Amino acid sequence: MPEHIALDKVESTLNELIETLRSNQEGFKELGHRLQNDRAKRFFLAETQVRAEYAAELENELHRMGVHDVKAGTSYMSKARHLWGQIQASLVSGQMALLSTAQKSEHAAKEVYTSALKEDLPLPLREILQRQLTHIQRSHDQIKALHDVRSASD
């Protein structure tokens, strides 16, 4: 890693992303079990796996940089937990509320990735984050489409 890039900043940035991914993974898993629409169920359960893979990929990058004790970030953690905590409240409000919560969560994930890409990170890591962000943006669009279809049918 180039000397001008501080390992501690890279580590904290990646930990924050990992926590975001883990939070979304848990939330998507819950949605996959709670939603009634089969297409939506399949989508969220598939995204659960994608988030696990992305978190593992970032953990591997930390290990490759010599960080052996991967710790979750704290700055985004409370916000992510709050969003997914809304899922529990949404369960009584219905399917639309669940999809709205998922959409908010994906928007928050996009913000965390966008913020991370503003940091001084090594090029290979930037490429990984950009690839992951591109997928998350597509996921956000798919959740919005699921929400809009559900909204139009109500």
Protein backbone atom coordinates (compact mmCIF):
# COMPACT_ATOMS: atom_id res chain seq x y z
CA MET A 1 0.00 0.00 0.00
CA PRO A 2 1.43 3.44 -0.87
CA GLU A 3 2.82 5.30 2.13
CA HIS A 4 0.49 8.28 1.75
CA ILE A 5 -2.56 6.07 2.33
CA ALA A 6 -3.14 5.59 6.05
CA LEU A 7 -3.92 1.99 6.98
CA ASP A 8 -6.08 3.03 9.93
CA LYS A 9 -8.34 5.14 7.67
CA VAL A 10 -8.64 2.30 5.15
CA GLU A 11 -9.41 -0.10 7.98
CA SER A 12 -12.13 2.10 9.49
CA THR A 13 -13.67 2.72 6.06
CA LEU A 14 -13.80 -0.99 5.25
CA ASN A 15 -15.14 -1.87 8.68
CA GLU A 16 -17.96 0.61 8.19
CA LEU A 17 -18.80 -0.95 4.82
CA ILE A 18 -18.65 -4.46 6.26
CA GLU A 19 -21.07 -3.50 9.03
CA THR A 20 -23.41 -1.95 6.46
CA LEU A 21 -23.31 -5.12 4.38
CA ARG A 22 -23.92 -7.34 7.40
CA SER A 23 -26.84 -5.22 8.52
CA ASN A 24 -28.39 -5.34 5.06
CA GLN A 25 -27.77 -9.07 4.89
CA GLU A 26 -29.77 -9.60 8.09
CA GLY A 27 -32.52 -7.24 7.00
CA PHE A 28 -32.83 -8.82 3.56
CA LYS A 29 -32.98 -12.27 5.14
CA GLU A 30 -35.87 -11.11 7.31
CA LEU A 31 -37.62 -9.60 4.30
CA GLY A 32 -37.14 -12.77 2.29
CA HIS A 33 -39.04 -14.66 4.95
CA ARG A 34 -41.74 -12.02 5.54
CA LEU A 35 -42.73 -10.85 2.08
CA GLN A 36 -45.61 -12.62 0.37
CA ASN A 37 -44.60 -12.00 -3.24
CA ASP A 38 -42.48 -14.90 -4.54
CA ARG A 39 -40.43 -12.68 -6.85
CA ALA A 40 -39.62 -10.33 -3.97
CA LYS A 41 -38.79 -13.25 -1.66
CA ARG A 42 -36.32 -14.69 -4.19
CA PHE A 43 -34.77 -11.29 -4.80
CA PHE A 44 -34.13 -10.53 -1.13
CA LEU A 45 -32.85 -14.01 -0.33
CA ALA A 46 -30.44 -13.79 -3.29
CA GLU A 47 -29.29 -10.36 -2.11
CA THR A 48 -28.62 -11.86 1.32
CA GLN A 49 -25.98 -14.05 -0.29
CA VAL A 50 -24.52 -11.18 -2.32
CA ARG A 51 -24.10 -9.05 0.82
CA ALA A 52 -22.37 -11.92 2.61
CA GLU A 53 -19.98 -12.32 -0.33
CA TYR A 54 -19.25 -8.60 -0.46
CA ALA A 55 -18.54 -8.46 3.29
CA ALA A 56 -16.22 -11.47 2.99
CA GLU A 57 -14.44 -9.84 0.05
CA LEU A 58 -13.77 -6.70 2.09
CA GLU A 59 -12.68 -8.74 5.11
CA ASN A 60 -10.22 -10.56 2.85
CA GLU A 61 -8.83 -7.22 1.72
CA LEU A 62 -8.29 -6.21 5.33
CA HIS A 63 -6.53 -9.52 6.03
CA ARG A 64 -4.39 -9.01 2.91
CA MET A 65 -3.35 -5.61 4.33
CA GLY A 66 -2.31 -7.25 7.58
CA VAL A 67 -5.39 -6.49 9.66
CA HIS A 68 -6.25 -9.70 11.47
CA ASP A 69 -8.94 -8.55 13.88
CA VAL A 70 -11.76 -7.22 11.71
CA LYS A 71 -14.08 -5.03 13.76
CA ALA A 72 -17.36 -3.59 12.65
CA GLY A 73 -17.59 0.16 12.19
CA THR A 74 -19.58 2.18 14.67
CA SER A 75 -20.50 5.41 12.87
CA TYR A 76 -22.99 3.79 10.52
CA MET A 77 -23.88 0.83 12.72
CA SER A 78 -26.53 2.61 14.77
CA LYS A 79 -28.13 4.12 11.66
CA ALA A 80 -28.24 0.73 9.93
CA ARG A 81 -29.68 -0.98 12.98
CA HIS A 82 -32.29 1.75 13.26
CA LEU A 83 -33.35 1.26 9.64
CA TRP A 84 -33.62 -2.47 9.98
CA GLY A 85 -35.32 -2.05 13.32
CA GLN A 86 -38.03 -0.33 11.33
CA ILE A 87 -38.64 -3.68 9.64
CA GLN A 88 -39.97 -5.02 12.89
CA ALA A 89 -42.35 -2.07 13.14
CA SER A 90 -43.24 -2.46 9.46
CA LEU A 91 -44.38 -6.03 9.95
CA VAL A 92 -47.68 -4.79 11.30
CA SER A 93 -47.94 -2.10 8.62
CA GLY A 94 -47.82 -4.49 5.69
CA GLN A 95 -45.82 -5.33 2.62
CA MET A 96 -45.50 -1.76 1.29
CA ALA A 97 -43.88 -0.61 4.52
CA LEU A 98 -41.37 -3.47 4.32
CA LEU A 99 -40.39 -2.51 0.78
CA SER A 100 -40.14 1.16 1.77
CA THR A 101 -37.79 0.25 4.60
CA ALA A 102 -35.65 -1.84 2.26
CA GLN A 103 -35.48 1.04 -0.18
CA LYS A 104 -34.32 3.41 2.58
CA SER A 105 -31.68 0.92 3.64
CA GLU A 106 -30.31 0.59 0.12
CA HIS A 107 -30.21 4.36 -0.18
CA ALA A 108 -28.21 4.53 3.06
CA ALA A 109 -25.84 1.82 1.77
CA LYS A 110 -25.28 3.84 -1.42
CA GLU A 111 -24.37 6.85 0.72
CA VAL A 112 -21.84 4.86 2.75
CA TYR A 113 -20.20 3.54 -0.44
CA THR A 114 -20.17 6.98 -2.05
CA SER A 115 -18.54 8.42 1.05
CA ALA A 116 -15.96 5.61 1.12
CA LEU A 117 -15.04 6.25 -2.51
CA LYS A 118 -14.18 9.85 -1.59
CA GLU A 119 -11.44 8.52 0.69
CA ASP A 120 -7.82 8.05 -0.36
CA LEU A 121 -7.90 4.31 -1.03
CA PRO A 122 -5.62 2.03 -3.05
CA LEU A 123 -6.77 1.57 -6.67
CA PRO A 124 -7.58 -2.16 -6.45
CA LEU A 125 -9.79 -1.48 -3.43
CA ARG A 126 -11.49 1.45 -5.17
CA GLU A 127 -12.31 -0.88 -8.07
CA ILE A 128 -13.86 -3.44 -5.70
CA LEU A 129 -15.95 -0.76 -4.00
CA GLN A 130 -17.09 0.72 -7.31
CA ARG A 131 -18.16 -2.74 -8.54
CA GLN A 132 -20.06 -3.39 -5.32
CA LEU A 133 -21.68 0.05 -5.42
CA THR A 134 -22.84 -0.53 -8.99
CA HIS A 135 -24.61 -3.69 -7.85
CA ILE A 136 -26.14 -1.92 -4.84
CA GLN A 137 -27.44 0.84 -7.12
CA ARG A 138 -29.08 -1.80 -9.35
CA SER A 139 -30.50 -3.49 -6.25
CA HIS A 140 -31.95 -0.16 -5.09
CA ASP A 141 -33.61 0.26 -8.49
CA GLN A 142 -35.07 -3.26 -8.31
CA ILE A 143 -36.44 -2.63 -4.82
CA LYS A 144 -38.00 0.60 -6.06
CA ALA A 145 -39.57 -1.31 -8.96
CA LEU A 146 -40.95 -3.94 -6.57
CA HIS A 147 -42.33 -1.14 -4.41
CA ASP A 148 -43.86 0.67 -7.39
CA VAL A 149 -45.49 -2.51 -8.75
CA ARG A 150 -46.90 -3.29 -5.32
CA SER A 151 -48.11 0.30 -4.99
CA ALA A 152 -49.85 0.21 -8.37
CA SER A 153 -51.62 -3.06 -7.53
CA ASP A 154 -52.98 -1.79 -4.20
